[in-house]
PDB file of all heavy atoms in Angstrom:
ATOM      1  N   ARG A   1     120.361  15.680 -69.261  1.00  0.00           N
ATOM      2  CA  ARG A   1     119.296  15.680 -68.265  1.00  0.00           C
ATOM      3  C   ARG A   1     118.542  16.982 -68.353  1.00  0.00           C
ATOM      4  O   ARG A   1     119.124  18.077 -68.151  1.00  0.00           O
ATOM      5  CB  ARG A   1     119.878  15.475 -66.886  1.00  0.00           C
ATOM      6  CG  ARG A   1     118.799  15.370 -65.802  1.00  0.00           C
ATOM      7  CD  ARG A   1     119.441  14.918 -64.502  1.00  0.00           C
ATOM      8  NE  ARG A   1     118.410  14.766 -63.480  1.00  0.00           N
ATOM      9  CZ  ARG A   1     118.652  14.298 -62.246  1.00  0.00           C
ATOM     10  NH1 ARG A   1     119.902  13.941 -61.925  1.00  0.00           N
ATOM     11  NH2 ARG A   1     117.677  14.185 -61.358  1.00  0.00           N
ATOM     12  N   LEU A   2     117.211  16.890 -68.619  1.00  0.00           N
ATOM     13  CA  LEU A   2     116.381  18.086 -68.779  1.00  0.00           C
ATOM     14  C   LEU A   2     115.201  18.000 -67.841  1.00  0.00           C
ATOM     15  O   LEU A   2     114.562  16.947 -67.694  1.00  0.00           O
ATOM     16  CB  LEU A   2     115.844  18.232 -70.217  1.00  0.00           C
ATOM     17  CG  LEU A   2     116.869  18.468 -71.335  1.00  0.00           C
ATOM     18  CD1 LEU A   2     116.164  18.421 -72.674  1.00  0.00           C
ATOM     19  CD2 LEU A   2     117.554  19.790 -71.126  1.00  0.00           C
ATOM     20  N   GLU A   3     114.881  19.121 -67.205  1.00  0.00           N
ATOM     21  CA  GLU A   3     113.664  19.202 -66.491  1.00  0.00           C
ATOM     22  C   GLU A   3     112.492  19.437 -67.488  1.00  0.00           C
ATOM     23  O   GLU A   3     112.741  19.871 -68.603  1.00  0.00           O
ATOM     24  CB  GLU A   3     113.700  20.385 -65.518  1.00  0.00           C
ATOM     25  CG  GLU A   3     114.801  20.300 -64.447  1.00  0.00           C
ATOM     26  CD  GLU A   3     114.587  19.144 -63.468  1.00  0.00           C
ATOM     27  OE1 GLU A   3     113.378  18.739 -63.330  1.00  0.00           O
ATOM     28  OE2 GLU A   3     115.548  18.649 -62.880  1.00  0.00           O
ATOM     29  N   ALA A   4     111.321  19.145 -67.079  1.00  0.00           N
ATOM     30  CA  ALA A   4     110.184  19.269 -67.954  1.00  0.00           C
ATOM     31  C   ALA A   4     110.045  20.692 -68.522  1.00  0.00           C
ATOM     32  O   ALA A   4     109.735  20.901 -69.686  1.00  0.00           O
ATOM     33  CB  ALA A   4     108.888  18.845 -67.251  1.00  0.00           C
ATOM     34  N   ARG A   5     110.314  21.688 -67.650  1.00  0.00           N
ATOM     35  CA  ARG A   5     110.179  23.091 -68.101  1.00  0.00           C
ATOM     36  C   ARG A   5     111.287  23.498 -69.049  1.00  0.00           C
ATOM     37  O   ARG A   5     111.188  24.550 -69.714  1.00  0.00           O
ATOM     38  CB  ARG A   5     110.181  24.022 -66.881  1.00  0.00           C
ATOM     39  CG  ARG A   5     111.454  23.891 -66.031  1.00  0.00           C
ATOM     40  CD  ARG A   5     111.395  24.773 -64.776  1.00  0.00           C
ATOM     41  NE  ARG A   5     112.546  24.609 -63.950  1.00  0.00           N
ATOM     42  CZ  ARG A   5     113.731  25.141 -64.150  1.00  0.00           C
ATOM     43  NH1 ARG A   5     113.904  25.899 -65.235  1.00  0.00           N
ATOM     44  NH2 ARG A   5     114.741  24.907 -63.323  1.00  0.00           N
ATOM     45  N   GLU A   6     112.388  22.683 -69.120  1.00  0.00           N
ATOM     46  CA  GLU A   6     113.491  23.040 -69.994  1.00  0.00           C
ATOM     47  C   GLU A   6     113.404  22.412 -71.379  1.00  0.00           C
ATOM     48  O   GLU A   6     114.204  22.741 -72.278  1.00  0.00           O
ATOM     49  CB  GLU A   6     114.818  22.609 -69.330  1.00  0.00           C
ATOM     50  CG  GLU A   6     115.091  23.335 -68.015  1.00  0.00           C
ATOM     51  CD  GLU A   6     116.328  22.777 -67.359  1.00  0.00           C
ATOM     52  OE1 GLU A   6     116.508  21.517 -67.330  1.00  0.00           O
ATOM     53  OE2 GLU A   6     117.150  23.582 -66.823  1.00  0.00           O
ATOM     54  N   ARG A   7     112.458  21.506 -71.588  1.00  0.00           N
ATOM     55  CA  ARG A   7     112.345  20.802 -72.867  1.00  0.00           C
ATOM     56  C   ARG A   7     111.787  21.733 -73.946  1.00  0.00           C
ATOM     57  O   ARG A   7     110.752  22.367 -73.730  1.00  0.00           O
ATOM     58  CB  ARG A   7     111.467  19.583 -72.735  1.00  0.00           C
ATOM     59  CG  ARG A   7     112.071  18.501 -71.816  1.00  0.00           C
ATOM     60  CD  ARG A   7     111.095  17.388 -71.536  1.00  0.00           C
ATOM     61  NE  ARG A   7     111.648  16.441 -70.616  1.00  0.00           N
ATOM     62  CZ  ARG A   7     110.959  15.426 -70.049  1.00  0.00           C
ATOM     63  NH1 ARG A   7     109.685  15.275 -70.384  1.00  0.00           N
ATOM     64  NH2 ARG A   7     111.545  14.615 -69.198  1.00  0.00           N
ATOM     65  N   PRO A   8     112.461  21.824 -75.117  1.00  0.00           N
ATOM     66  CA  PRO A   8     111.969  22.685 -76.169  1.00  0.00           C
ATOM     67  C   PRO A   8     110.594  22.211 -76.686  1.00  0.00           C
ATOM     68  O   PRO A   8     110.294  21.033 -76.750  1.00  0.00           O
ATOM     69  CB  PRO A   8     113.017  22.506 -77.285  1.00  0.00           C
ATOM     70  CG  PRO A   8     114.225  22.011 -76.580  1.00  0.00           C
ATOM     71  CD  PRO A   8     113.716  21.158 -75.436  1.00  0.00           C
ATOM     72  N   THR A   9     109.748  23.195 -76.998  1.00  0.00           N
ATOM     73  CA  THR A   9     108.415  22.904 -77.499  1.00  0.00           C
ATOM     74  C   THR A   9     108.223  23.364 -78.961  1.00  0.00           C
ATOM     75  O   THR A   9     107.148  23.125 -79.557  1.00  0.00           O
ATOM     76  CB  THR A   9     107.332  23.579 -76.650  1.00  0.00           C
ATOM     77  OG1 THR A   9     107.576  25.003 -76.609  1.00  0.00           O
ATOM     78  CG2 THR A   9     107.358  23.028 -75.215  1.00  0.00           C
ATOM     79  N   SER A  10     109.221  24.004 -79.527  1.00  0.00           N
ATOM     80  CA  SER A  10     109.131  24.438 -80.902  1.00  0.00           C
ATOM     81  C   SER A  10     110.530  24.394 -81.508  1.00  0.00           C
ATOM     82  O   SER A  10     111.543  24.308 -80.820  1.00  0.00           O
ATOM     83  CB  SER A  10     108.565  25.864 -80.995  1.00  0.00           C
ATOM     84  OG  SER A  10     109.368  26.765 -80.293  1.00  0.00           O
ATOM     85  N   ILE A  11     110.556  24.473 -82.829  1.00  0.00           N
ATOM     86  CA  ILE A  11     111.830  24.428 -83.536  1.00  0.00           C
ATOM     87  C   ILE A  11     111.708  25.318 -84.777  1.00  0.00           C
ATOM     88  O   ILE A  11     110.624  25.531 -85.350  1.00  0.00           O
ATOM     89  CB  ILE A  11     112.157  22.972 -83.955  1.00  0.00           C
ATOM     90  CG1 ILE A  11     113.582  22.882 -84.554  1.00  0.00           C
ATOM     91  CG2 ILE A  11     111.143  22.410 -84.937  1.00  0.00           C
ATOM     92  CD1 ILE A  11     114.026  21.448 -84.787  1.00  0.00           C
ATOM     93  N   GLY A  12     112.835  25.880 -85.179  1.00  0.00           N
ATOM     94  CA  GLY A  12     112.814  26.719 -86.367  1.00  0.00           C
ATOM     95  C   GLY A  12     113.838  27.804 -86.287  1.00  0.00           C
ATOM     96  O   GLY A  12     114.524  27.960 -85.261  1.00  0.00           O
ATOM     97  N   SER A  13     113.992  28.587 -87.381  1.00  0.00           N
ATOM     98  CA  SER A  13     115.059  29.582 -87.435  1.00  0.00           C
ATOM     99  C   SER A  13     114.844  30.727 -86.436  1.00  0.00           C
ATOM    100  O   SER A  13     115.782  31.394 -86.042  1.00  0.00           O
ATOM    101  CB  SER A  13     115.135  30.180 -88.850  1.00  0.00           C
ATOM    102  OG  SER A  13     113.857  30.744 -89.218  1.00  0.00           O
ATOM    103  N   GLY A  14     113.596  30.942 -86.008  1.00  0.00           N
ATOM    104  CA  GLY A  14     113.334  32.021 -85.041  1.00  0.00           C
ATOM    105  C   GLY A  14     113.248  31.551 -83.613  1.00  0.00           C
ATOM    106  O   GLY A  14     112.753  32.288 -82.759  1.00  0.00           O
ATOM    107  N   THR A  15     113.690  30.329 -83.365  1.00  0.00           N
ATOM    108  CA  THR A  15     113.554  29.756 -82.007  1.00  0.00           C
ATOM    109  C   THR A  15     114.933  29.467 -81.426  1.00  0.00           C
ATOM    110  O   THR A  15     115.803  28.946 -82.114  1.00  0.00           O
ATOM    111  CB  THR A  15     112.751  28.446 -82.083  1.00  0.00           C
ATOM    112  OG1 THR A  15     111.467  28.719 -82.627  1.00  0.00           O
ATOM    113  CG2 THR A  15     112.575  27.856 -80.668  1.00  0.00           C
ATOM    114  N   ILE A  16     115.143  29.827 -80.143  1.00  0.00           N
ATOM    115  CA  ILE A  16     116.394  29.575 -79.444  1.00  0.00           C
ATOM    116  C   ILE A  16     116.130  28.586 -78.351  1.00  0.00           C
ATOM    117  O   ILE A  16     115.191  28.713 -77.560  1.00  0.00           O
ATOM    118  CB  ILE A  16     117.003  30.867 -78.847  1.00  0.00           C
ATOM    119  CG1 ILE A  16     117.291  31.878 -79.954  1.00  0.00           C
ATOM    120  CG2 ILE A  16     118.268  30.556 -78.046  1.00  0.00           C
ATOM    121  CD1 ILE A  16     117.759  33.238 -79.454  1.00  0.00           C
ATOM    122  N   TRP A  17     116.970  27.530 -78.295  1.00  0.00           N
ATOM    123  CA  TRP A  17     116.867  26.518 -77.224  1.00  0.00           C
ATOM    124  C   TRP A  17     117.882  26.873 -76.133  1.00  0.00           C
ATOM    125  O   TRP A  17     119.085  26.989 -76.402  1.00  0.00           O
ATOM    126  CB  TRP A  17     117.183  25.124 -77.758  1.00  0.00           C
ATOM    127  CG  TRP A  17     116.124  24.546 -78.660  1.00  0.00           C
ATOM    128  CD1 TRP A  17     114.969  25.107 -79.012  1.00  0.00           C
ATOM    129  CD2 TRP A  17     116.181  23.265 -79.296  1.00  0.00           C
ATOM    130  NE1 TRP A  17     114.246  24.293 -79.834  1.00  0.00           N
ATOM    131  CE2 TRP A  17     114.965  23.130 -80.025  1.00  0.00           C
ATOM    132  CE3 TRP A  17     117.108  22.232 -79.335  1.00  0.00           C
ATOM    133  CZ2 TRP A  17     114.701  21.993 -80.792  1.00  0.00           C
ATOM    134  CZ3 TRP A  17     116.828  21.115 -80.055  1.00  0.00           C
ATOM    135  CH2 TRP A  17     115.629  20.973 -80.786  1.00  0.00           C
ATOM    136  N   HIS A  18     117.394  27.019 -74.929  1.00  0.00           N
ATOM    137  CA  HIS A  18     118.255  27.238 -73.765  1.00  0.00           C
ATOM    138  C   HIS A  18     118.367  25.929 -73.020  1.00  0.00           C
ATOM    139  O   HIS A  18     117.403  25.472 -72.365  1.00  0.00           O
ATOM    140  CB  HIS A  18     117.699  28.334 -72.822  1.00  0.00           C
ATOM    141  CG  HIS A  18     117.613  29.669 -73.486  1.00  0.00           C
ATOM    142  ND1 HIS A  18     118.689  30.527 -73.601  1.00  0.00           N
ATOM    143  CD2 HIS A  18     116.569  30.312 -74.070  1.00  0.00           C
ATOM    144  CE1 HIS A  18     118.334  31.632 -74.222  1.00  0.00           C
ATOM    145  NE2 HIS A  18     117.066  31.539 -74.516  1.00  0.00           N
ATOM    146  N   LEU A  19     119.539  25.292 -73.110  1.00  0.00           N
ATOM    147  CA  LEU A  19     119.720  23.938 -72.559  1.00  0.00           C
ATOM    148  C   LEU A  19     120.736  24.000 -71.427  1.00  0.00           C
ATOM    149  O   LEU A  19     121.690  24.800 -71.408  1.00  0.00           O
ATOM    150  CB  LEU A  19     120.200  22.958 -73.652  1.00  0.00           C
ATOM    151  CG  LEU A  19     119.304  22.796 -74.853  1.00  0.00           C
ATOM    152  CD1 LEU A  19     119.968  21.905 -75.911  1.00  0.00           C
ATOM    153  CD2 LEU A  19     117.939  22.248 -74.463  1.00  0.00           C
ATOM    154  N   PRO A  20     120.617  23.093 -70.472  1.00  0.00           N
ATOM    155  CA  PRO A  20     121.599  23.041 -69.363  1.00  0.00           C
ATOM    156  C   PRO A  20     122.975  22.663 -69.872  1.00  0.00           C
ATOM    157  O   PRO A  20     123.125  22.054 -70.924  1.00  0.00           O
ATOM    158  CB  PRO A  20     121.032  21.910 -68.460  1.00  0.00           C
ATOM    159  CG  PRO A  20     119.587  21.818 -68.833  1.00  0.00           C
ATOM    160  CD  PRO A  20     119.513  22.169 -70.268  1.00  0.00           C
ATOM    161  N   GLU A  21     123.966  23.023 -69.074  1.00  0.00           N
ATOM    162  CA  GLU A  21     125.340  22.700 -69.450  1.00  0.00           C
ATOM    163  C   GLU A  21     125.519  21.207 -69.516  1.00  0.00           C
ATOM    164  O   GLU A  21     124.967  20.447 -68.700  1.00  0.00           O
ATOM    165  CB  GLU A  21     126.295  23.292 -68.412  1.00  0.00           C
ATOM    166  CG  GLU A  21     127.766  23.154 -68.779  1.00  0.00           C
ATOM    167  CD  GLU A  21     128.687  23.812 -67.773  1.00  0.00           C
ATOM    168  OE1 GLU A  21     128.180  24.496 -66.871  1.00  0.00           O
ATOM    169  OE2 GLU A  21     129.907  23.645 -67.897  1.00  0.00           O
ATOM    170  N   GLY A  22     126.264  20.716 -70.538  1.00  0.00           N
ATOM    171  CA  GLY A  22     126.525  19.319 -70.699  1.00  0.00           C
ATOM    172  C   GLY A  22     125.605  18.602 -71.671  1.00  0.00           C
ATOM    173  O   GLY A  22     125.808  17.453 -72.020  1.00  0.00           O
ATOM    174  N   CYS A  23     124.600  19.294 -72.144  1.00  0.00           N
ATOM    175  CA  CYS A  23     123.681  18.684 -73.120  1.00  0.00           C
ATOM    176  C   CYS A  23     124.291  18.784 -74.514  1.00  0.00           C
ATOM    177  O   CYS A  23     125.044  19.713 -74.822  1.00  0.00           O
ATOM    178  CB  CYS A  23     122.317  19.393 -73.131  1.00  0.00           C
ATOM    179  SG  CYS A  23     121.339  19.047 -71.663  1.00  0.00           S
ATOM    180  N   SER A  24     123.962  17.810 -75.332  1.00  0.00           N
ATOM    181  CA  SER A  24     124.383  17.811 -76.723  1.00  0.00           C
ATOM    182  C   SER A  24     123.156  17.603 -77.612  1.00  0.00           C
ATOM    183  O   SER A  24     122.183  16.960 -77.196  1.00  0.00           O
ATOM    184  CB  SER A  24     125.443  16.721 -77.001  1.00  0.00           C
ATOM    185  OG  SER A  24     124.909  15.459 -76.645  1.00  0.00           O
ATOM    186  N   VAL A  25     123.194  18.189 -78.787  1.00  0.00           N
ATOM    187  CA  VAL A  25     122.052  18.102 -79.725  1.00  0.00           C
ATOM    188  C   VAL A  25     122.514  17.726 -81.119  1.00  0.00           C
ATOM    189  O   VAL A  25     123.738  17.776 -81.431  1.00  0.00           O
ATOM    190  CB  VAL A  25     121.294  19.463 -79.822  1.00  0.00           C
ATOM    191  CG1 VAL A  25     120.733  19.874 -78.460  1.00  0.00           C
ATOM    192  CG2 VAL A  25     122.242  20.549 -80.376  1.00  0.00           C
ATOM    193  N   GLY A  26     121.592  17.264 -81.890  1.00  0.00           N
ATOM    194  CA  GLY A  26     121.910  16.907 -83.293  1.00  0.00           C
ATOM    195  C   GLY A  26     120.643  16.592 -84.072  1.00  0.00           C
ATOM    196  O   GLY A  26     119.521  16.728 -83.546  1.00  0.00           O
ATOM    197  N   MET A  27     120.795  16.242 -85.328  1.00  0.00           N
ATOM    198  CA  MET A  27     119.673  15.888 -86.195  1.00  0.00           C
ATOM    199  C   MET A  27     119.839  14.431 -86.645  1.00  0.00           C
ATOM    200  O   MET A  27     120.887  14.023 -87.168  1.00  0.00           O
ATOM    201  CB  MET A  27     119.617  16.791 -87.424  1.00  0.00           C
ATOM    202  CG  MET A  27     119.418  18.283 -87.080  1.00  0.00           C
ATOM    203  SD  MET A  27     117.840  18.629 -86.254  1.00  0.00           S
ATOM    204  CE  MET A  27     116.730  18.500 -87.659  1.00  0.00           C
ATOM    205  N   LEU A  28     118.773  13.650 -86.442  1.00  0.00           N
ATOM    206  CA  LEU A  28     118.790  12.263 -86.848  1.00  0.00           C
ATOM    207  C   LEU A  28     118.289  12.151 -88.278  1.00  0.00           C
ATOM    208  O   LEU A  28     117.155  12.546 -88.607  1.00  0.00           O
ATOM    209  CB  LEU A  28     117.860  11.447 -85.906  1.00  0.00           C
ATOM    210  CG  LEU A  28     117.861   9.938 -86.106  1.00  0.00           C
ATOM    211  CD1 LEU A  28     119.218   9.339 -85.780  1.00  0.00           C
ATOM    212  CD2 LEU A  28     116.790   9.294 -85.210  1.00  0.00           C
ATOM    213  N   GLU A  29     119.143  11.616 -89.181  1.00  0.00           N
ATOM    214  CA  GLU A  29     118.776  11.508 -90.566  1.00  0.00           C
ATOM    215  C   GLU A  29     119.061  10.083 -91.084  1.00  0.00           C
ATOM    216  O   GLU A  29     119.993   9.423 -90.626  1.00  0.00           O
ATOM    217  CB  GLU A  29     119.569  12.504 -91.439  1.00  0.00           C
ATOM    218  CG  GLU A  29     119.258  13.927 -91.130  1.00  0.00           C
ATOM    219  CD  GLU A  29     119.998  14.877 -92.091  1.00  0.00           C
ATOM    220  OE1 GLU A  29     119.441  15.188 -93.184  1.00  0.00           O
ATOM    221  OE2 GLU A  29     121.137  15.256 -91.770  1.00  0.00           O
ATOM    222  N   PHE A  30     118.231   9.664 -92.062  1.00  0.00           N
ATOM    223  CA  PHE A  30     118.407   8.320 -92.617  1.00  0.00           C
ATOM    224  C   PHE A  30     119.517   8.308 -93.674  1.00  0.00           C
ATOM    225  O   PHE A  30     119.565   9.190 -94.528  1.00  0.00           O
ATOM    226  CB  PHE A  30     117.084   7.882 -93.293  1.00  0.00           C
ATOM    227  CG  PHE A  30     117.179   6.589 -94.015  1.00  0.00           C
ATOM    228  CD1 PHE A  30     117.135   5.366 -93.305  1.00  0.00           C
ATOM    229  CD2 PHE A  30     117.273   6.513 -95.388  1.00  0.00           C
ATOM    230  CE1 PHE A  30     117.203   4.185 -93.963  1.00  0.00           C
ATOM    231  CE2 PHE A  30     117.340   5.321 -96.046  1.00  0.00           C
ATOM    232  CZ  PHE A  30     117.311   4.141 -95.346  1.00  0.00           C
ATOM    233  N   THR A  31     120.421   7.318 -93.545  1.00  0.00           N
ATOM    234  CA  THR A  31     121.535   7.277 -94.480  1.00  0.00           C
ATOM    235  C   THR A  31     121.732   5.885 -95.078  1.00  0.00           C
ATOM    236  O   THR A  31     122.696   5.652 -95.788  1.00  0.00           O
ATOM    237  CB  THR A  31     122.848   7.688 -93.767  1.00  0.00           C
ATOM    238  OG1 THR A  31     123.082   6.809 -92.671  1.00  0.00           O
ATOM    239  CG2 THR A  31     122.772   9.119 -93.292  1.00  0.00           C
ATOM    240  N   GLY A  32     120.813   4.932 -94.802  1.00  0.00           N
ATOM    241  CA  GLY A  32     120.977   3.569 -95.280  1.00  0.00           C
ATOM    242  C   GLY A  32     120.599   3.386 -96.740  1.00  0.00           C
ATOM    243  O   GLY A  32     120.252   4.351 -97.443  1.00  0.00           O
ATOM    244  N   ALA A  33     120.691   2.144 -97.224  1.00  0.00           N
ATOM    245  CA  ALA A  33     120.438   1.830 -98.619  1.00  0.00           C
ATOM    246  C   ALA A  33     119.056   1.242 -98.866  1.00  0.00           C
ATOM    247  O   ALA A  33     118.730   0.843 -99.969  1.00  0.00           O
ATOM    248  CB  ALA A  33     121.497   0.867 -99.137  1.00  0.00           C
ATOM    249  N   GLY A  34     118.236   1.130 -97.833  1.00  0.00           N
ATOM    250  CA  GLY A  34     116.925   0.481 -97.973  1.00  0.00           C
ATOM    251  C   GLY A  34     116.023   1.184 -98.970  1.00  0.00           C
ATOM    252  O   GLY A  34     115.325   0.543 -99.752  1.00  0.00           O
ATOM    253  N   LEU A  35     115.999   2.524 -98.912  1.00  0.00           N
ATOM    254  CA  LEU A  35     115.148   3.253 -99.840  1.00  0.00           C
ATOM    255  C   LEU A  35     115.541   3.049-101.269  1.00  0.00           C
ATOM    256  O   LEU A  35     114.709   2.932-102.169  1.00  0.00           O
ATOM    257  CB  LEU A  35     115.159   4.752 -99.496  1.00  0.00           C
ATOM    258  CG  LEU A  35     114.321   5.199 -98.330  1.00  0.00           C
ATOM    259  CD1 LEU A  35     114.520   6.677 -98.069  1.00  0.00           C
ATOM    260  CD2 LEU A  35     112.846   4.920 -98.606  1.00  0.00           C
ATOM    261  N   GLU A  36     116.836   3.016-101.530  1.00  0.00           N
ATOM    262  CA  GLU A  36     117.307   2.823-102.893  1.00  0.00           C
ATOM    263  C   GLU A  36     116.931   1.449-103.426  1.00  0.00           C
ATOM    264  O   GLU A  36     116.588   1.304-104.609  1.00  0.00           O
ATOM    265  CB  GLU A  36     118.823   2.988-102.931  1.00  0.00           C
ATOM    266  CG  GLU A  36     119.446   2.833-104.328  1.00  0.00           C
ATOM    267  CD  GLU A  36     118.867   3.791-105.351  1.00  0.00           C
ATOM    268  OE1 GLU A  36     118.476   4.936-104.954  1.00  0.00           O
ATOM    269  OE2 GLU A  36     118.809   3.464-106.553  1.00  0.00           O
ATOM    270  N   ALA A  37     116.916   0.443-102.543  1.00  0.00           N
ATOM    271  CA  ALA A  37     116.485  -0.907-102.965  1.00  0.00           C
ATOM    272  C   ALA A  37     115.015  -0.921-103.394  1.00  0.00           C
ATOM    273  O   ALA A  37     114.641  -1.504-104.391  1.00  0.00           O
ATOM    274  CB  ALA A  37     116.741  -1.886-101.847  1.00  0.00           C
ATOM    275  N   LEU A  38     114.172  -0.203-102.608  1.00  0.00           N
ATOM    276  CA  LEU A  38     112.762  -0.113-102.962  1.00  0.00           C
ATOM    277  C   LEU A  38     112.568   0.652-104.295  1.00  0.00           C
ATOM    278  O   LEU A  38     111.751   0.249-105.127  1.00  0.00           O
ATOM    279  CB  LEU A  38     111.975   0.586-101.868  1.00  0.00           C
ATOM    280  CG  LEU A  38     111.673  -0.233-100.603  1.00  0.00           C
ATOM    281  CD1 LEU A  38     111.092   0.685 -99.524  1.00  0.00           C
ATOM    282  CD2 LEU A  38     110.710  -1.371-100.950  1.00  0.00           C
ATOM    283  N   ARG A  39     113.338   1.724-104.422  1.00  0.00           N
ATOM    284  CA  ARG A  39     113.223   2.506-105.666  1.00  0.00           C
ATOM    285  C   ARG A  39     113.646   1.690-106.867  1.00  0.00           C
ATOM    286  O   ARG A  39     113.014   1.720-107.921  1.00  0.00           O
ATOM    287  CB  ARG A  39     114.063   3.789-105.543  1.00  0.00           C
ATOM    288  CG  ARG A  39     114.095   4.651-106.786  1.00  0.00           C
ATOM    289  CD  ARG A  39     114.933   5.907-106.526  1.00  0.00           C
ATOM    290  NE  ARG A  39     115.068   6.694-107.754  1.00  0.00           N
ATOM    291  CZ  ARG A  39     115.974   6.488-108.688  1.00  0.00           C
ATOM    292  NH1 ARG A  39     116.869   5.482-108.517  1.00  0.00           N
ATOM    293  NH2 ARG A  39     116.051   7.235-109.764  1.00  0.00           N
ATOM    294  N   GLN A  40     114.717   0.918-106.742  1.00  0.00           N
ATOM    295  CA  GLN A  40     115.182   0.078-107.818  1.00  0.00           C
ATOM    296  C   GLN A  40     114.160  -0.995-108.154  1.00  0.00           C
ATOM    297  O   GLN A  40     113.986  -1.352-109.327  1.00  0.00           O
ATOM    298  CB  GLN A  40     116.536  -0.524-107.469  1.00  0.00           C
ATOM    299  CG  GLN A  40     117.196  -1.257-108.638  1.00  0.00           C
ATOM    300  CD  GLN A  40     117.422  -0.355-109.836  1.00  0.00           C
ATOM    301  OE1 GLN A  40     117.955   0.738-109.721  1.00  0.00           O
ATOM    302  NE2 GLN A  40     117.022  -0.826-111.016  1.00  0.00           N
ATOM    303  N   ALA A  41     113.515  -1.547-107.143  1.00  0.00           N
ATOM    304  CA  ALA A  41     112.477  -2.571-107.385  1.00  0.00           C
ATOM    305  C   ALA A  41     111.347  -2.014-108.220  1.00  0.00           C
ATOM    306  O   ALA A  41     110.835  -2.675-109.133  1.00  0.00           O
ATOM    307  CB  ALA A  41     111.956  -3.099-106.044  1.00  0.00           C
TER     308      ALA A  41
END
């Protein structure tokens, strides 16, 4: 749960996110086989 003022507006090695306790973060990445099927086609 984030208030509007707490939502990060930038990202990068020089940026620190201050998030409320209980928040979790991660990076969403594609791991399926769809791209390989297109490449093989």
